Amino acid sequence: MRKILAGLLLTCVGWTTPALAKETIKIGAILGVTGPAANLGGPEARTLEMLVQEINKKGGIKGNPVELIIKDSSASPEKAISFAKQLIDEDKVFAIIGPSTSGETMKIKTLAEDGKTILLSCAAAEAIVKPVGKYVFKTPQNDSHAVRKIYDQMKKAGISKIGVVSSNTGFGKAGKEQLENLRPSTALPSWPTRSTTRKPLTSPRW
């Protein structure tokens, strides 16, 4: 998270001009602070708050204070859409960090592109950045990288058949697609797959 914010603030430095001196740089964040993704969104939010405090204590960016506006989506794509519209249209943020999950990100990436607002997703689905957009980015590894590692380990262990159970979330669907798309390159036999609807969790676990 420190690297994410540092990179974003370097971009702010490039965009900041003398004419904007002493104006507040607004950065939005849509994170699953509560709900099933709280194990991700909670630490992300606290880290951002800490880093922005550190930056402002040092005088901000070229004398411009940084304002962090955090929206708790509870990992809900519907809430993420509403908050993205608010941050872009009403708060006029320079950029948005998040969301915490792939499903949320997929729902708001078009809003960011249309609003010409930088979006730095904290989610991993490769579909977030394919096709490549002008304003949408992500920081974690691609889900395809994880799938390749799974298949590499299967080969080493002599495993040729596995069961695949995927959730109907954005990340679950994207992961299942990667498993199916990359299997032919492994020379492994095909196998039947089943999808399931994941019930909401009562504790912050995946």
Protein backbone atom coordinates (compact mmCIF):
# COMPACT_ATOMS: atom_id res chain seq x y z
CA MET A 1 0.00 0.00 0.00
CA ARG A 2 2.89 2.36 0.73
CA LYS A 3 4.22 1.81 -2.80
CA ILE A 4 0.76 2.37 -4.29
CA LEU A 5 0.31 5.72 -2.58
CA ALA A 6 3.91 6.75 -3.23
CA GLY A 7 3.49 6.15 -6.95
CA LEU A 8 0.21 8.00 -7.01
CA LEU A 9 1.66 10.97 -5.17
CA LEU A 10 4.58 11.12 -7.58
CA THR A 11 1.96 11.45 -10.30
CA CYS A 12 0.34 14.23 -8.30
CA VAL A 13 3.68 16.00 -8.21
CA GLY A 14 3.87 15.84 -11.99
CA TRP A 15 0.38 17.27 -12.35
CA THR A 16 0.75 19.98 -9.72
CA THR A 17 1.56 23.41 -11.13
CA PRO A 18 2.25 26.80 -9.47
CA ALA A 19 -1.28 27.84 -10.35
CA LEU A 20 -2.56 25.08 -8.07
CA ALA A 21 -0.42 26.07 -5.09
CA LYS A 22 -2.05 25.50 -1.70
CA GLU A 23 -5.04 23.72 -3.22
CA THR A 24 -6.04 20.44 -1.62
CA ILE A 25 -5.28 17.26 -3.56
CA LYS A 26 -8.24 14.95 -3.06
CA ILE A 27 -7.68 11.21 -3.24
CA GLY A 28 -10.60 8.81 -2.92
CA ALA A 29 -10.47 5.24 -1.65
CA ILE A 30 -13.17 2.60 -2.03
CA LEU A 31 -12.28 -0.23 0.35
CA GLY A 32 -14.04 -3.12 2.05
CA VAL A 33 -13.32 -1.84 5.56
CA THR A 34 -16.19 -3.94 6.93
CA GLY A 35 -17.88 -7.06 5.62
CA PRO A 36 -16.39 -10.20 4.04
CA ALA A 37 -13.29 -8.40 2.70
CA ALA A 38 -12.46 -6.59 5.93
CA ASN A 39 -9.22 -8.56 6.24
CA LEU A 40 -8.12 -6.69 3.11
CA GLY A 41 -9.93 -3.37 3.29
CA GLY A 42 -9.33 -2.68 6.97
CA PRO A 43 -5.51 -2.72 6.78
CA GLU A 44 -5.61 -0.90 3.43
CA ALA A 45 -7.64 1.94 4.92
CA ARG A 46 -5.48 2.27 8.03
CA THR A 47 -2.29 2.27 5.97
CA LEU A 48 -3.58 5.00 3.68
CA GLU A 49 -4.64 7.13 6.64
CA MET A 50 -1.19 6.75 8.22
CA LEU A 51 0.64 7.62 5.00
CA VAL A 52 -1.47 10.68 4.28
CA GLN A 53 -0.87 11.93 7.82
CA GLU A 54 2.88 11.49 7.32
CA ILE A 55 2.78 13.37 4.02
CA ASN A 56 0.77 16.28 5.39
CA LYS A 57 3.08 16.61 8.41
CA LYS A 58 5.92 17.12 5.93
CA GLY A 59 4.04 19.87 4.12
CA GLY A 60 2.00 17.89 1.63
CA ILE A 61 2.80 17.78 -2.07
CA LYS A 62 4.63 20.95 -3.16
CA GLY A 63 2.82 22.73 -0.37
CA ASN A 64 -0.55 21.23 -1.28
CA PRO A 65 -2.27 19.26 1.52
CA VAL A 66 -3.62 15.82 0.69
CA GLU A 67 -7.20 14.94 1.63
CA LEU A 68 -8.10 11.26 1.79
CA ILE A 69 -11.78 10.37 1.35
CA ILE A 70 -12.42 6.74 2.32
CA LYS A 71 -15.66 5.01 1.39
CA ASP A 72 -16.49 1.65 2.99
CA SER A 73 -18.07 -0.52 0.30
CA SER A 74 -18.30 -3.65 2.49
CA ALA A 75 -17.15 -5.47 -0.67
CA SER A 76 -20.48 -4.66 -2.34
CA PRO A 77 -20.27 -3.88 -6.09
CA GLU A 78 -23.46 -1.83 -5.83
CA LYS A 79 -22.00 0.35 -3.09
CA ALA A 80 -18.75 0.65 -5.02
CA ILE A 81 -20.64 2.01 -8.04
CA SER A 82 -22.46 4.59 -5.92
CA PHE A 83 -19.28 5.70 -4.15
CA ALA A 84 -17.31 5.90 -7.41
CA LYS A 85 -19.92 8.21 -8.92
CA GLN A 86 -19.87 10.36 -5.80
CA LEU A 87 -16.08 10.60 -5.67
CA ILE A 88 -15.80 11.44 -9.37
CA ASP A 89 -18.81 13.72 -9.88
CA GLU A 90 -19.19 15.40 -6.47
CA ASP A 91 -15.85 15.24 -4.68
CA LYS A 92 -13.81 15.72 -7.88
CA VAL A 93 -11.00 13.48 -6.65
CA PHE A 94 -7.68 13.30 -8.47
CA ALA A 95 -7.67 9.50 -8.24
CA ILE A 96 -9.33 6.53 -6.56
CA ILE A 97 -7.46 3.78 -4.73
CA GLY A 98 -9.28 0.44 -4.61
CA PRO A 99 -11.64 -1.28 -4.56
CA SER A 100 -10.40 -4.19 -2.48
CA THR A 101 -12.02 -6.89 -4.63
CA SER A 102 -12.12 -7.77 -8.32
CA GLY A 103 -15.91 -7.81 -8.63
CA GLU A 104 -16.18 -4.24 -7.37
CA THR A 105 -13.36 -3.06 -9.61
CA MET A 106 -14.93 -4.57 -12.72
CA LYS A 107 -18.13 -2.68 -11.96
CA ILE A 108 -16.50 0.76 -11.72
CA LYS A 109 -13.61 0.62 -14.22
CA THR A 110 -15.79 2.10 -16.96
CA LEU A 111 -16.85 4.91 -14.64
CA ALA A 112 -13.19 5.77 -14.05
CA GLU A 113 -12.39 5.72 -17.75
CA ASP A 114 -15.42 7.83 -18.65
CA GLY A 115 -14.69 10.25 -15.81
CA LYS A 116 -10.99 10.45 -16.72
CA THR A 117 -10.13 9.59 -13.13
CA ILE A 118 -7.16 7.41 -12.23
CA LEU A 119 -8.19 4.12 -10.64
CA LEU A 120 -5.56 2.07 -8.78
CA SER A 121 -7.25 -1.22 -7.95
CA CYS A 122 -6.09 -3.39 -5.05
CA ALA A 123 -7.60 -6.50 -6.69
CA ALA A 124 -5.90 -9.17 -8.80
CA ALA A 125 -8.19 -10.23 -11.66
CA GLU A 126 -6.37 -9.84 -14.96
CA ALA A 127 -9.60 -8.71 -16.59
CA ILE A 128 -9.27 -5.42 -14.69
CA VAL A 129 -6.50 -4.28 -17.03
CA LYS A 130 -7.44 -6.23 -20.15
CA PRO A 131 -8.11 -4.57 -22.46
CA VAL A 132 -5.66 -1.90 -21.39
CA GLY A 133 -7.32 1.36 -20.39
CA LYS A 134 -5.96 4.87 -20.09
CA TYR A 135 -6.94 5.47 -16.48
CA VAL A 136 -7.37 2.03 -14.87
CA PHE A 137 -4.46 0.22 -13.23
CA LYS A 138 -3.92 -2.46 -10.59
CA THR A 139 -1.07 -3.40 -8.30
CA PRO A 140 -1.37 -7.12 -7.32
CA GLN A 141 -0.12 -10.01 -9.44
CA ASN A 142 -2.46 -11.34 -12.12
CA ASP A 143 -4.69 -14.28 -11.27
CA SER A 144 -3.12 -16.05 -14.26
CA HIS A 145 0.22 -16.00 -12.39
CA ALA A 146 -1.38 -17.84 -9.49
CA VAL A 147 -2.93 -20.41 -11.83
CA ARG A 148 0.41 -21.11 -13.51
CA LYS A 149 1.96 -21.70 -10.10
CA ILE A 150 -0.84 -24.14 -9.24
CA TYR A 151 -0.25 -26.11 -12.42
CA ASP A 152 3.53 -26.09 -11.91
CA GLN A 153 3.08 -27.53 -8.43
CA MET A 154 0.65 -30.14 -9.74
CA LYS A 155 3.25 -31.33 -12.25
CA LYS A 156 5.94 -31.55 -9.57
CA ALA A 157 3.63 -33.54 -7.31
CA GLY A 158 2.44 -35.83 -10.10
CA ILE A 159 -1.17 -34.64 -9.80
CA SER A 160 -3.21 -34.84 -13.00
CA LYS A 161 -6.79 -34.35 -11.76
CA ILE A 162 -8.27 -31.76 -9.44
CA GLY A 163 -11.72 -30.56 -8.50
CA VAL A 164 -12.55 -26.94 -9.19
CA VAL A 165 -15.11 -25.10 -7.06
CA SER A 166 -15.43 -21.38 -7.82
CA SER A 167 -17.58 -18.64 -6.36
CA ASN A 168 -19.76 -16.34 -8.46
CA THR A 169 -17.74 -13.28 -7.41
CA GLY A 170 -15.64 -11.33 -9.90
CA PHE A 171 -12.46 -12.97 -8.66
CA GLY A 172 -14.04 -16.43 -8.59
CA LYS A 173 -15.30 -16.20 -12.15
CA ALA A 174 -12.00 -14.80 -13.42
CA GLY A 175 -10.03 -17.50 -11.59
CA LYS A 176 -12.18 -20.29 -13.05
CA GLU A 177 -11.69 -18.81 -16.52
CA GLN A 178 -7.91 -18.74 -16.07
CA LEU A 179 -7.91 -22.37 -14.88
CA GLU A 180 -9.80 -23.40 -17.99
CA ASN A 181 -7.86 -21.23 -20.44
CA LEU A 182 -4.41 -22.25 -19.23
CA ARG A 183 -5.09 -25.97 -18.81
CA PRO A 184 -4.44 -26.88 -22.49
CA SER A 185 -0.86 -25.58 -22.20
CA THR A 186 -0.18 -28.03 -19.35
CA ALA A 187 -1.07 -31.24 -21.24
CA LEU A 188 -3.29 -32.17 -18.30
CA PRO A 189 -6.59 -33.98 -18.99
CA SER A 190 -9.80 -31.99 -18.86
CA TRP A 191 -12.10 -32.26 -15.87
CA PRO A 192 -15.69 -31.25 -15.07
CA THR A 193 -16.17 -28.03 -13.12
CA ARG A 194 -18.96 -26.81 -10.89
CA SER A 195 -19.81 -23.26 -9.83
CA THR A 196 -21.45 -22.31 -6.57
CA THR A 197 -22.98 -19.20 -5.06
CA ARG A 198 -20.94 -18.10 -2.05
CA LYS A 199 -23.11 -17.14 0.91
CA PRO A 200 -22.21 -13.94 2.78
CA LEU A 201 -19.75 -14.60 5.58
CA THR A 202 -20.47 -13.54 9.14
CA SER A 203 -16.80 -12.96 9.91
CA PRO A 204 -14.05 -11.16 7.95
CA ARG A 205 -12.76 -14.28 6.20
CA TRP A 206 -12.69 -15.40 2.57
